[in-house]
């Protein structure tokens, strides 16, 4: 029954998305890549939320919630402030310039070389981290909920390969052949289903541990696990509270303001007001996100007595344990939609970046709109195959899938955010300084975390073992104390990047002051309720931290 419900709902979404997007002219870059610049606020909000709220987010953050508690909610609630900032500051600049991609803005501001470097960084990030992570976490969820390994008589790793390729093939058809509007429409439908289904999990979970009462369930959690509700993490946690003012801000401002896969939804807005409405609506819902992406992990800790070997399995195991059979097919369908959404979004953005920023620039400068779209689709096919081939290799990754993704993303999020912010707020910082800063940041970050850190933490653990310390938990604590959190490393490198941008520009300034031109592709009259909506959202975030501190 569950499989029938799953298939029926998935097919329904596909049919609706097809009819909603079939009149969009997909032979032009605006039609295919930006949905004809016709997206409204609710569609943008739904697509933003579901692009973000995928399995790597749901499973990953609930996994950390299982291990450490509510402190991981920082990724959710701080995001609301980042979206408000984007609505106020970044989106007006983007739409005024009529850009289709973030690298296009960088070309106008810094030059073609900067655009090319950033486009390649984006594509590498999608290929190595985002696409494989989405496929892996999605396959893990589906396999756990439907007992796929047992049904197929395969090992968990072998079943992952099968599920990853099925998800990848379906997602590729959506993203490559449907364009942004098909992705956005299906996202909006699935967003409603995911929010409804996502709320059912903590409800049934609390009832399961509270003898049928949600209130009793919360009482059990707060009484038995008070440490799980401390939102300010200690120095050795995955989110030390001090990182709220360093790397956490960088992660969220990059993700919601400059990440092509995310901001492309707002770039497809029919006007600035609709884009700002979409961002604010998504920000408000994001504040409530921890109920879906953190609380179930804490419930799972209580339900399973903290005995799961793999924290990333906490969420799908809880779903299978507490959700009535009648709801399993529906929830699996919307979860499948969330998997496809993030995969589609990254793949569609990759197609956009390659077609507009690389193919037309370096491979065929005289290419027609139709040729650019065709080249992008061809590239998308190869990228999808590559991501499907490496996704199963993430099985059992150390530290959990969510922390893996965030740590790896720091290599490019720091320099990209820095050069975009400086590009907007300064007029004489040059392209040469931007190029030097990007290379410096990427190399320094990767060497620091993947070369220097293992050496230092390894030495600290060795010294501890020589001193007679053998307890695994104590050795892990020593290793954590030996080197700063990657979020702090991001903050340090961000400051160094700013110093390089302004320092190099002192000697090699931009020849003329940068002036952005209004292309008049869309109306950039701001939403009249933007200021009160933004203030309310920011106050809500502050209130959450005060309450749980």
Protein backbone atom coordinates (compact mmCIF):
# COMPACT_ATOMS: atom_id res chain seq x y z
CA UNK A 1 0.00 0.00 0.00
CA UNK A 2 2.80 2.38 0.90
CA UNK A 3 4.55 1.83 -2.42
CA UNK A 4 1.29 2.46 -4.35
CA UNK A 5 0.67 5.75 -2.51
CA UNK A 6 4.30 6.72 -3.10
CA UNK A 7 4.10 6.09 -6.85
CA UNK A 8 0.71 7.81 -7.24
CA UNK A 9 1.70 11.04 -5.50
CA UNK A 10 5.05 11.20 -7.31
CA UNK A 11 3.32 10.78 -10.69
CA UNK A 12 0.72 13.43 -9.80
CA UNK A 13 3.42 16.01 -9.07
CA UNK A 14 5.21 15.22 -12.33
CA UNK A 15 2.00 15.65 -14.37
CA UNK A 16 1.13 18.99 -12.72
CA UNK A 17 4.69 20.28 -13.23
CA UNK A 18 4.57 19.29 -16.90
CA UNK A 19 1.32 21.11 -17.65
CA UNK A 20 2.37 24.18 -15.63
CA UNK A 21 5.66 24.56 -17.49
CA UNK A 22 4.85 23.36 -21.01
CA UNK A 23 4.03 26.85 -22.31
CA UNK A 24 7.39 28.28 -21.17
CA UNK A 25 9.69 28.89 -24.13
CA UNK A 26 12.64 26.65 -23.26
CA UNK A 27 14.60 27.39 -26.41
CA UNK A 28 15.72 30.71 -24.90
CA UNK A 29 18.10 31.06 -21.95
CA UNK A 30 15.62 33.13 -19.90
CA UNK A 31 12.84 30.66 -20.56
CA UNK A 32 14.84 27.56 -19.74
CA UNK A 33 17.19 28.85 -17.04
CA UNK A 34 14.92 31.39 -15.28
CA UNK A 35 11.40 30.15 -15.97
CA UNK A 36 10.80 33.13 -18.28
CA UNK A 37 11.29 35.49 -15.30
CA UNK A 38 7.70 34.75 -14.30
CA UNK A 39 7.97 33.25 -10.81
CA UNK A 40 5.75 34.68 -8.05
CA UNK A 41 6.46 35.02 -4.32
CA UNK A 42 4.77 31.79 -3.11
CA UNK A 43 6.41 29.73 -5.88
CA UNK A 44 9.82 31.23 -5.07
CA UNK A 45 9.35 30.58 -1.34
CA UNK A 46 8.27 26.99 -1.89
CA UNK A 47 11.14 26.29 -4.25
CA UNK A 48 13.69 27.93 -1.93
CA UNK A 49 12.51 25.89 1.03
CA UNK A 50 12.37 22.56 -0.73
CA UNK A 51 15.69 23.12 -2.49
CA UNK A 52 17.21 23.56 0.97
CA UNK A 53 15.00 21.13 2.89
CA UNK A 54 16.23 17.96 1.28
CA UNK A 55 17.40 14.70 2.74
CA UNK A 56 20.97 15.83 3.38
CA UNK A 57 19.42 18.60 5.50
CA UNK A 58 16.69 16.56 7.19
CA UNK A 59 18.78 13.47 7.81
CA UNK A 60 22.01 15.34 8.50
CA UNK A 61 20.69 17.88 11.00
CA UNK A 62 18.50 15.32 12.76
CA UNK A 63 21.60 13.15 13.00
CA UNK A 64 23.45 15.97 14.76
CA UNK A 65 20.31 16.61 16.85
CA UNK A 66 20.48 12.96 17.91
CA UNK A 67 24.13 13.34 18.91
CA UNK A 68 24.31 16.91 20.24
CA UNK A 69 20.83 18.41 20.47
CA UNK A 70 19.23 21.67 19.41
CA UNK A 71 22.45 23.64 18.89
CA UNK A 72 22.48 22.52 15.23
CA UNK A 73 19.33 24.66 14.78
CA UNK A 74 21.72 27.58 14.21
CA UNK A 75 21.90 26.57 10.55
CA UNK A 76 18.13 26.98 10.34
CA UNK A 77 17.31 30.12 12.32
CA UNK A 78 20.36 32.18 11.29
CA UNK A 79 19.32 31.44 7.70
CA UNK A 80 16.27 33.66 8.23
CA UNK A 81 18.51 36.69 8.87
CA UNK A 82 20.55 35.85 5.77
CA UNK A 83 17.39 35.74 3.63
CA UNK A 84 16.26 39.10 4.96
CA UNK A 85 19.67 40.55 4.08
CA UNK A 86 19.40 39.11 0.58
CA UNK A 87 15.92 40.60 0.13
CA UNK A 88 17.05 44.05 1.29
CA UNK A 89 20.52 44.29 -0.25
CA UNK A 90 21.53 41.65 -2.78
CA UNK A 91 18.38 40.87 -4.78
CA UNK A 92 17.76 44.52 -5.80
CA UNK A 93 21.31 44.65 -7.17
CA UNK A 94 20.95 41.36 -9.01
CA UNK A 95 17.61 42.21 -10.64
CA UNK A 96 18.69 45.74 -11.50
CA UNK A 97 21.54 44.27 -13.53
CA UNK A 98 19.28 41.65 -15.12
CA UNK A 99 21.74 38.84 -14.43
CA UNK A 100 20.99 35.14 -14.96
CA UNK A 101 23.92 33.82 -12.91
CA UNK A 102 26.09 35.09 -10.07
CA UNK A 103 29.23 34.78 -12.21
CA UNK A 104 27.62 37.17 -14.72
CA UNK A 105 27.55 39.83 -12.01
CA UNK A 106 31.19 39.06 -11.23
CA UNK A 107 32.13 39.48 -14.90
CA UNK A 108 30.53 42.92 -14.98
CA UNK A 109 32.18 43.87 -11.71
CA UNK A 110 35.62 42.23 -11.95
CA UNK A 111 36.13 40.79 -15.43
CA UNK A 112 35.87 37.56 -17.43
CA UNK A 113 38.63 35.70 -15.58
CA UNK A 114 36.88 36.14 -12.22
CA UNK A 115 33.62 34.93 -13.71
CA UNK A 116 35.32 31.85 -15.13
CA UNK A 117 37.09 30.97 -11.87
CA UNK A 118 33.87 31.25 -9.86
CA UNK A 119 31.85 29.30 -12.43
CA UNK A 120 34.36 26.47 -12.24
CA UNK A 121 34.28 26.60 -8.42
CA UNK A 122 30.50 26.34 -8.43
CA UNK A 123 30.56 23.41 -10.84
CA UNK A 124 33.23 21.60 -8.80
CA UNK A 125 31.22 22.18 -5.63
CA UNK A 126 28.04 20.77 -7.15
CA UNK A 127 29.88 17.80 -8.67
CA UNK A 128 31.93 16.83 -5.61
CA UNK A 129 29.75 17.81 -2.65
CA UNK A 130 26.14 18.85 -3.25
CA UNK A 131 24.93 16.43 -5.93
CA UNK A 132 26.54 13.27 -4.49
CA UNK A 133 25.49 14.20 -0.94
CA UNK A 134 21.85 14.68 -1.95
CA UNK A 135 21.81 11.38 -3.80
CA UNK A 136 23.50 9.49 -0.97
CA UNK A 137 21.31 10.84 1.83
CA UNK A 138 18.16 10.39 -0.26
CA UNK A 139 19.00 6.80 -1.09
CA UNK A 140 19.78 6.12 2.58
CA UNK A 141 16.36 7.44 3.61
CA UNK A 142 14.39 5.52 0.98
CA UNK A 143 16.31 2.30 1.64
CA UNK A 144 15.74 2.54 5.40
CA UNK A 145 12.03 3.43 5.21
CA UNK A 146 11.13 0.70 2.70
CA UNK A 147 13.68 -1.92 3.82
CA UNK A 148 15.06 -1.98 0.27
CA UNK A 149 18.21 -4.03 1.09
CA UNK A 150 16.08 -6.80 2.65
CA UNK A 151 13.47 -6.72 -0.13
CA UNK A 152 16.16 -6.96 -2.83
CA UNK A 153 18.43 -9.34 -0.93
CA UNK A 154 21.34 -6.92 -1.15
CA UNK A 155 23.82 -5.48 1.33
CA UNK A 156 23.16 -1.85 2.44
CA UNK A 157 26.03 -0.59 0.25
CA UNK A 158 24.86 -2.51 -2.83
CA UNK A 159 21.29 -1.30 -2.38
CA UNK A 160 22.61 2.26 -2.19
CA UNK A 161 24.05 1.96 -5.70
CA UNK A 162 20.69 0.86 -7.09
CA UNK A 163 18.65 3.57 -5.34
CA UNK A 164 21.15 6.33 -6.11
CA UNK A 165 20.96 5.61 -9.83
CA UNK A 166 17.15 5.44 -9.85
CA UNK A 167 16.89 8.80 -8.04
CA UNK A 168 19.59 10.31 -10.24
CA UNK A 169 17.96 9.25 -13.50
CA UNK A 170 14.52 10.57 -12.52
CA UNK A 171 16.00 13.83 -11.22
CA UNK A 172 18.03 14.30 -14.39
CA UNK A 173 14.90 14.06 -16.55
CA UNK A 174 13.19 16.72 -14.42
CA UNK A 175 16.12 19.13 -14.33
CA UNK A 176 17.71 18.73 -17.75
CA UNK A 177 14.60 18.45 -19.88
CA UNK A 178 12.14 20.49 -17.81
CA UNK A 179 14.06 23.66 -17.03
CA UNK A 180 13.69 25.88 -13.97
CA UNK A 181 9.94 26.37 -14.12
CA UNK A 182 9.21 22.62 -14.04
CA UNK A 183 11.59 22.30 -11.09
CA UNK A 184 10.06 25.29 -9.26
CA UNK A 185 6.44 24.16 -9.73
CA UNK A 186 7.13 20.61 -8.54
CA UNK A 187 9.10 22.09 -5.63
CA UNK A 188 6.14 24.20 -4.52
CA UNK A 189 3.75 21.23 -4.48
CA UNK A 190 6.20 19.03 -2.64
CA UNK A 191 7.04 21.84 -0.18
CA UNK A 192 3.46 21.80 1.13
CA UNK A 193 3.52 18.02 1.40
CA UNK A 194 6.92 17.99 3.08
CA UNK A 195 5.93 20.55 5.69
CA UNK A 196 2.74 18.61 6.49
CA UNK A 197 4.53 15.26 6.49
CA UNK A 198 7.53 16.69 8.32
CA UNK A 199 5.30 17.94 11.14
CA UNK A 200 3.69 14.52 11.48
CA UNK A 201 7.00 12.91 12.48
CA UNK A 202 7.59 14.91 15.68
CA UNK A 203 3.86 14.69 16.51
CA UNK A 204 3.77 10.89 16.29
CA UNK A 205 7.23 10.68 17.82
CA UNK A 206 6.21 12.71 20.87
CA UNK A 207 3.06 10.64 21.20
CA UNK A 208 5.14 7.46 21.08
CA UNK A 209 7.38 8.51 23.98
CA UNK A 210 4.58 10.30 25.88
CA UNK A 211 2.03 7.46 26.07
CA UNK A 212 -0.18 9.03 23.42
CA UNK A 213 0.24 12.64 24.58
CA UNK A 214 2.30 15.26 22.75
CA UNK A 215 2.60 17.38 25.91
CA UNK A 216 3.77 14.40 27.94
CA UNK A 217 6.24 13.57 25.18
CA UNK A 218 7.82 17.03 25.39
CA UNK A 219 7.90 16.72 29.18
CA UNK A 220 9.76 13.41 28.86
CA UNK A 221 12.34 15.00 26.54
CA UNK A 222 12.97 18.11 28.62
CA UNK A 223 13.13 16.07 31.83
CA UNK A 224 15.32 13.23 30.60
CA UNK A 225 17.44 15.16 28.07
CA UNK A 226 17.77 18.79 29.27
CA UNK A 227 21.26 19.02 27.74
CA UNK A 228 19.77 18.46 24.28
CA UNK A 229 17.88 21.77 24.53
CA UNK A 230 20.90 24.00 25.14
CA UNK A 231 21.12 26.07 21.97
CA UNK A 232 24.51 27.64 22.73
CA UNK A 233 27.12 24.99 21.96
CA UNK A 234 30.31 24.57 23.96
CA UNK A 235 33.82 25.04 22.52
CA UNK A 236 34.09 21.37 21.53
CA UNK A 237 30.66 21.01 19.93
CA UNK A 238 30.07 21.00 16.18
CA UNK A 239 28.61 24.52 16.52
CA UNK A 240 30.43 26.47 19.29
CA UNK A 241 28.30 29.50 20.20
CA UNK A 242 31.09 31.88 19.20
CA UNK A 243 30.83 30.66 15.59
CA UNK A 244 27.44 32.38 15.37
CA UNK A 245 29.41 35.57 14.74
CA UNK A 246 32.02 34.07 12.39
CA UNK A 247 31.59 31.03 10.16
CA UNK A 248 27.87 30.56 10.79
CA UNK A 249 27.12 33.98 9.32
CA UNK A 250 29.39 33.28 6.35
CA UNK A 251 27.77 29.89 5.66
CA UNK A 252 24.26 31.33 5.65
CA UNK A 253 24.96 34.61 3.85
CA UNK A 254 26.79 32.68 1.14
CA UNK A 255 24.13 29.99 0.83
CA UNK A 256 21.06 32.23 0.73
CA UNK A 257 22.58 35.21 -1.04
CA UNK A 258 25.19 33.99 -3.52
CA UNK A 259 24.73 30.24 -4.08
CA UNK A 260 23.57 29.87 -7.68
CA UNK A 261 21.35 26.84 -6.93
CA UNK A 262 19.41 28.89 -4.36
CA UNK A 263 19.40 32.46 -5.64
CA UNK A 264 18.42 31.32 -9.15
CA UNK A 265 14.85 30.98 -7.85
CA UNK A 266 14.75 34.65 -6.87
CA UNK A 267 16.48 35.67 -10.11
CA UNK A 268 13.48 34.16 -11.92
CA UNK A 269 11.06 36.52 -10.12
CA UNK A 270 8.60 38.47 -12.28
CA UNK A 271 9.64 41.62 -10.35
CA UNK A 272 11.62 42.67 -7.27
CA UNK A 273 8.55 42.80 -5.01
CA UNK A 274 7.67 39.15 -5.76
CA UNK A 275 11.27 38.09 -5.16
CA UNK A 276 11.34 39.88 -1.79
CA UNK A 277 7.98 38.38 -0.80
CA UNK A 278 9.29 34.92 -1.62
CA UNK A 279 12.46 35.40 0.43
CA UNK A 280 10.60 36.77 3.47
CA UNK A 281 7.96 34.04 3.36
CA UNK A 282 10.68 31.41 3.17
CA UNK A 283 12.56 33.10 6.04
CA UNK A 284 9.49 32.99 8.28
CA UNK A 285 8.94 29.28 7.61
CA UNK A 286 12.67 28.67 8.12
CA UNK A 287 12.41 29.87 11.72
CA UNK A 288 10.03 26.98 12.35
CA UNK A 289 12.42 24.58 10.61
CA UNK A 290 13.96 23.03 13.77
CA UNK A 291 10.62 21.36 14.52
CA UNK A 292 11.15 19.28 11.37
CA UNK A 293 14.93 19.01 11.09
CA UNK A 294 16.16 18.89 14.72
CA UNK A 295 13.39 17.82 17.12
CA UNK A 296 12.89 14.35 15.55
CA UNK A 297 16.58 13.62 16.14
CA UNK A 298 16.19 14.37 19.85
CA UNK A 299 13.03 12.26 19.98
CA UNK A 300 14.94 9.43 18.30
CA UNK A 301 17.62 9.63 21.00
CA UNK A 302 14.95 9.07 23.65
CA UNK A 303 13.05 6.46 21.63
CA UNK A 304 16.11 4.34 20.82
CA UNK A 305 17.91 5.06 24.13
CA UNK A 306 20.76 6.71 22.22
CA UNK A 307 21.90 3.31 20.94
CA UNK A 308 21.97 3.82 17.16
CA UNK A 309 25.44 3.19 15.72
CA UNK A 310 24.98 5.63 12.83
CA UNK A 311 23.41 8.96 13.88
CA UNK A 312 22.43 9.67 10.25
CA UNK A 313 19.96 6.78 10.49
CA UNK A 314 18.07 8.41 13.40
CA UNK A 315 15.46 10.15 11.25
CA UNK A 316 14.50 7.37 8.81
CA UNK A 317 14.52 4.85 11.70
CA UNK A 318 12.13 7.07 13.68
CA UNK A 319 9.86 7.52 10.65
CA UNK A 320 9.66 3.76 10.17
CA UNK A 321 9.02 3.22 13.90
CA UNK A 322 6.32 5.83 14.67
CA UNK A 323 4.58 6.81 11.42
CA UNK A 324 1.33 4.87 10.77
CA UNK A 325 1.54 2.64 7.70
CA UNK A 326 -1.16 4.67 5.92
CA UNK A 327 1.10 7.74 5.92
CA UNK A 328 4.38 6.07 4.96
CA UNK A 329 3.77 6.11 1.20
CA UNK A 330 2.70 9.77 1.17
CA UNK A 331 5.64 10.89 3.33
CA UNK A 332 8.11 8.86 1.29
CA UNK A 333 6.73 10.55 -1.84
CA UNK A 334 7.22 14.09 -0.54
CA UNK A 335 10.62 13.11 0.84
CA UNK A 336 11.43 11.74 -2.60
CA UNK A 337 10.27 15.09 -3.99
CA UNK A 338 12.68 16.85 -1.62
CA UNK A 339 15.50 14.60 -2.79
CA UNK A 340 14.70 15.41 -6.42
CA UNK A 341 14.38 19.11 -5.60
CA UNK A 342 17.89 19.58 -4.29
CA UNK A 343 19.34 17.34 -6.98
CA UNK A 344 17.35 19.13 -9.69
CA UNK A 345 18.29 22.56 -8.38
CA UNK A 346 22.02 21.90 -8.31
CA UNK A 347 21.91 20.16 -11.69
CA UNK A 348 19.79 22.89 -13.29
CA UNK A 349 22.17 25.53 -11.92
CA UNK A 350 25.15 23.58 -13.24
CA UNK A 351 23.54 23.44 -16.67
CA UNK A 352 22.93 27.19 -16.45
CA UNK A 353 26.50 27.98 -15.40
CA UNK A 354 28.06 25.82 -18.10
CA UNK A 355 25.79 27.00 -20.89
CA UNK A 356 25.87 30.73 -20.19
CA UNK A 357 29.25 31.25 -18.50
CA UNK A 358 31.57 28.70 -20.11
CA UNK A 359 30.18 27.29 -23.36
CA UNK A 360 29.25 30.61 -24.95
CA UNK A 361 32.41 32.26 -23.59
CA UNK A 362 35.06 29.69 -24.53
CA UNK A 363 33.58 27.06 -26.82
CA UNK A 364 31.21 28.82 -29.22
CA UNK A 365 31.00 32.59 -28.91
CA UNK A 366 28.53 32.75 -31.83
CA UNK A 367 26.21 30.12 -30.38
CA UNK A 368 22.49 30.73 -30.72
CA UNK A 369 20.15 30.60 -27.72
CA UNK A 370 19.08 27.12 -28.81
CA UNK A 371 22.68 25.90 -29.04
CA UNK A 372 23.51 27.26 -25.58
CA UNK A 373 20.55 25.41 -24.03
CA UNK A 374 21.47 22.18 -25.89
CA UNK A 375 25.11 22.41 -24.73
CA UNK A 376 23.97 22.98 -21.17
CA UNK A 377 21.71 19.93 -21.29
CA UNK A 378 24.52 17.75 -22.67
CA UNK A 379 26.84 18.87 -19.89
CA UNK A 380 24.08 18.15 -17.37
CA UNK A 381 23.88 14.53 -18.54
CA UNK A 382 27.61 13.98 -17.97
CA UNK A 383 27.54 15.75 -14.60
CA UNK A 384 24.57 13.66 -13.44
CA UNK A 385 26.35 10.43 -14.38
CA UNK A 386 29.49 11.54 -12.53
CA UNK A 387 27.58 12.40 -9.35
CA UNK A 388 25.67 9.11 -9.44
CA UNK A 389 28.96 7.24 -9.74
CA UNK A 390 30.57 8.77 -6.63
CA UNK A 391 27.52 9.24 -4.34
CA UNK A 392 27.55 5.67 -2.90
CA UNK A 393 31.20 6.16 -1.91
CA UNK A 394 30.01 8.48 0.88
CA UNK A 395 28.61 5.51 2.80
CA UNK A 396 29.74 5.74 6.42
CA UNK A 397 31.55 9.08 6.02
CA UNK A 398 33.20 10.16 9.28
CA UNK A 399 31.42 12.87 11.29
CA UNK A 400 28.08 12.52 9.50
CA UNK A 401 26.92 13.69 6.10
CA UNK A 402 25.79 17.18 7.17
CA UNK A 403 29.08 18.19 8.78
CA UNK A 404 30.96 16.73 5.80
CA UNK A 405 28.98 18.92 3.42
CA UNK A 406 29.32 22.12 5.46
CA UNK A 407 33.04 21.69 6.02
CA UNK A 408 33.83 21.02 2.37
CA UNK A 409 31.67 23.93 1.21
CA UNK A 410 33.81 26.36 3.22
CA UNK A 411 36.54 26.15 0.59
CA UNK A 412 34.53 28.19 -1.90
CA UNK A 413 31.82 29.92 0.16
CA UNK A 414 34.31 32.22 1.90
CA UNK A 415 35.94 33.81 -1.17
CA UNK A 416 32.73 33.96 -3.23
CA UNK A 417 30.78 35.75 -0.50
CA UNK A 418 33.67 38.15 0.13
CA UNK A 419 34.15 39.23 -3.47
CA UNK A 420 30.41 39.67 -4.04
CA UNK A 421 29.90 41.82 -0.94
CA UNK A 422 32.99 43.90 -1.68
CA UNK A 423 31.95 44.14 -5.32
CA UNK A 424 28.59 45.60 -4.31
CA UNK A 425 29.81 48.01 -1.63
CA UNK A 426 33.03 49.23 -3.26
CA UNK A 427 33.77 50.83 -6.62
CA UNK A 428 37.54 50.54 -7.08
CA UNK A 429 38.45 47.03 -5.87
CA UNK A 430 39.94 45.33 -8.91
CA UNK A 431 39.57 42.01 -10.71
CA UNK A 432 43.21 41.17 -10.08
CA UNK A 433 42.70 41.42 -6.32
CA UNK A 434 39.57 39.25 -6.56
CA UNK A 435 41.39 36.53 -8.51
CA UNK A 436 44.30 36.47 -6.05
CA UNK A 437 41.89 36.39 -3.10
CA UNK A 438 39.91 33.44 -4.50
CA UNK A 439 42.99 31.29 -5.13
CA UNK A 440 44.45 32.21 -1.73
CA UNK A 441 41.23 31.33 0.12
CA UNK A 442 40.62 27.98 -1.59
CA UNK A 443 44.21 26.76 -1.20
CA UNK A 444 44.63 28.04 2.37
CA UNK A 445 41.33 26.56 3.56
CA UNK A 446 41.92 23.12 2.05
CA UNK A 447 45.54 22.91 3.26
CA UNK A 448 44.54 24.09 6.75
CA UNK A 449 41.73 21.57 7.23
CA UNK A 450 42.97 18.57 5.30
CA UNK A 451 46.75 18.79 5.81
CA UNK A 452 47.62 20.90 8.86
CA UNK A 453 44.67 19.87 11.04
CA UNK A 454 45.28 16.08 10.77
CA UNK A 455 48.92 16.63 11.67
CA UNK A 456 48.15 18.73 14.75
CA UNK A 457 45.23 16.62 16.02
CA UNK A 458 47.13 13.41 15.31
CA UNK A 459 50.09 14.66 17.36
CA UNK A 460 47.79 15.68 20.23
CA UNK A 461 46.14 12.25 20.31
CA UNK A 462 49.52 10.48 20.13
CA UNK A 463 50.83 12.51 23.06
CA UNK A 464 47.70 11.67 25.04
CA UNK A 465 48.06 7.96 24.31
CA UNK A 466 51.71 8.06 25.39
CA UNK A 467 50.53 9.69 28.62
CA UNK A 468 48.32 6.65 29.25
CA UNK A 469 44.95 7.95 28.04
CA UNK A 470 43.01 5.22 26.25
CA UNK A 471 39.35 6.24 26.60
CA UNK A 472 37.91 6.85 23.13
CA UNK A 473 35.63 9.72 24.18
CA UNK A 474 38.46 11.47 26.02
CA UNK A 475 40.77 11.10 23.03
CA UNK A 476 38.06 12.56 20.76
CA UNK A 477 37.74 15.54 23.10
CA UNK A 478 41.51 16.06 23.03
CA UNK A 479 41.48 15.98 19.23
CA UNK A 480 38.62 18.53 19.12
CA UNK A 481 40.43 20.88 21.51
CA UNK A 482 43.66 20.71 19.52
CA UNK A 483 42.34 22.65 16.53
CA UNK A 484 39.68 25.36 16.03
CA UNK A 485 36.28 24.60 14.51
CA UNK A 486 36.17 24.82 10.72
CA UNK A 487 33.61 27.62 11.19
CA UNK A 488 36.25 29.70 12.97
CA UNK A 489 38.75 28.89 10.21
CA UNK A 490 36.21 30.25 7.73
CA UNK A 491 35.94 33.48 9.73
CA UNK A 492 39.72 33.94 9.86
CA UNK A 493 40.16 33.34 6.14
CA UNK A 494 37.25 35.68 5.36
CA UNK A 495 39.07 38.52 7.14
CA UNK A 496 42.31 37.70 5.30
CA UNK A 497 40.45 37.70 1.97
CA UNK A 498 39.05 41.16 2.70
CA UNK A 499 42.58 42.36 3.51
CA UNK A 500 43.85 40.97 0.18
CA UNK A 501 41.00 42.55 -1.79
CA UNK A 502 41.60 46.03 -0.44
CA UNK A 503 45.39 45.65 -0.07
CA UNK A 504 46.07 44.53 -3.65
CA UNK A 505 43.63 47.14 -4.98
CA UNK A 506 45.74 49.85 -3.35
CA UNK A 507 48.46 49.01 -5.85
CA UNK A 508 46.29 47.70 -8.70
CA UNK A 509 42.95 49.53 -8.50
CA UNK A 510 40.13 49.21 -11.00
CA UNK A 511 40.76 51.66 -13.85
CA UNK A 512 37.29 53.21 -13.64
CA UNK A 513 34.72 53.30 -10.86
CA UNK A 514 32.15 50.54 -11.11
CA UNK A 515 28.64 51.72 -11.98
CA UNK A 516 25.78 49.25 -12.25
CA UNK A 517 23.37 49.81 -15.12
CA UNK A 518 19.62 49.19 -14.85
CA UNK A 519 18.71 46.76 -17.66
CA UNK A 520 14.95 47.16 -17.08
CA UNK A 521 14.29 43.46 -17.58
CA UNK A 522 12.03 43.47 -14.52
CA UNK A 523 10.40 46.13 -12.35
CA UNK A 524 12.61 46.79 -9.29
CA UNK A 525 10.04 48.61 -7.15
CA UNK A 526 10.53 47.18 -3.61
CA UNK A 527 7.78 45.34 -1.75
CA UNK A 528 6.01 47.88 0.45
CA UNK A 529 5.90 45.58 3.49
CA UNK A 530 9.57 44.55 3.29
CA UNK A 531 10.82 46.60 6.26
CA UNK A 532 8.25 45.45 8.88
CA UNK A 533 8.50 41.85 7.66
CA UNK A 534 12.29 41.92 7.90
CA UNK A 535 12.29 43.45 11.39
CA UNK A 536 9.76 40.89 12.64
CA UNK A 537 11.82 37.98 11.31
CA UNK A 538 15.07 39.23 12.88
CA UNK A 539 13.38 39.81 16.26
CA UNK A 540 11.94 36.29 16.12
CA UNK A 541 15.44 34.83 15.63
CA UNK A 542 16.82 36.79 18.60
CA UNK A 543 13.86 35.68 20.74
CA UNK A 544 14.56 32.01 19.98
CA UNK A 545 18.15 32.32 21.18
CA UNK A 546 17.12 34.18 24.32
CA UNK A 547 14.47 31.56 25.16
CA UNK A 548 16.74 28.53 24.74
CA UNK A 549 19.86 30.09 26.28
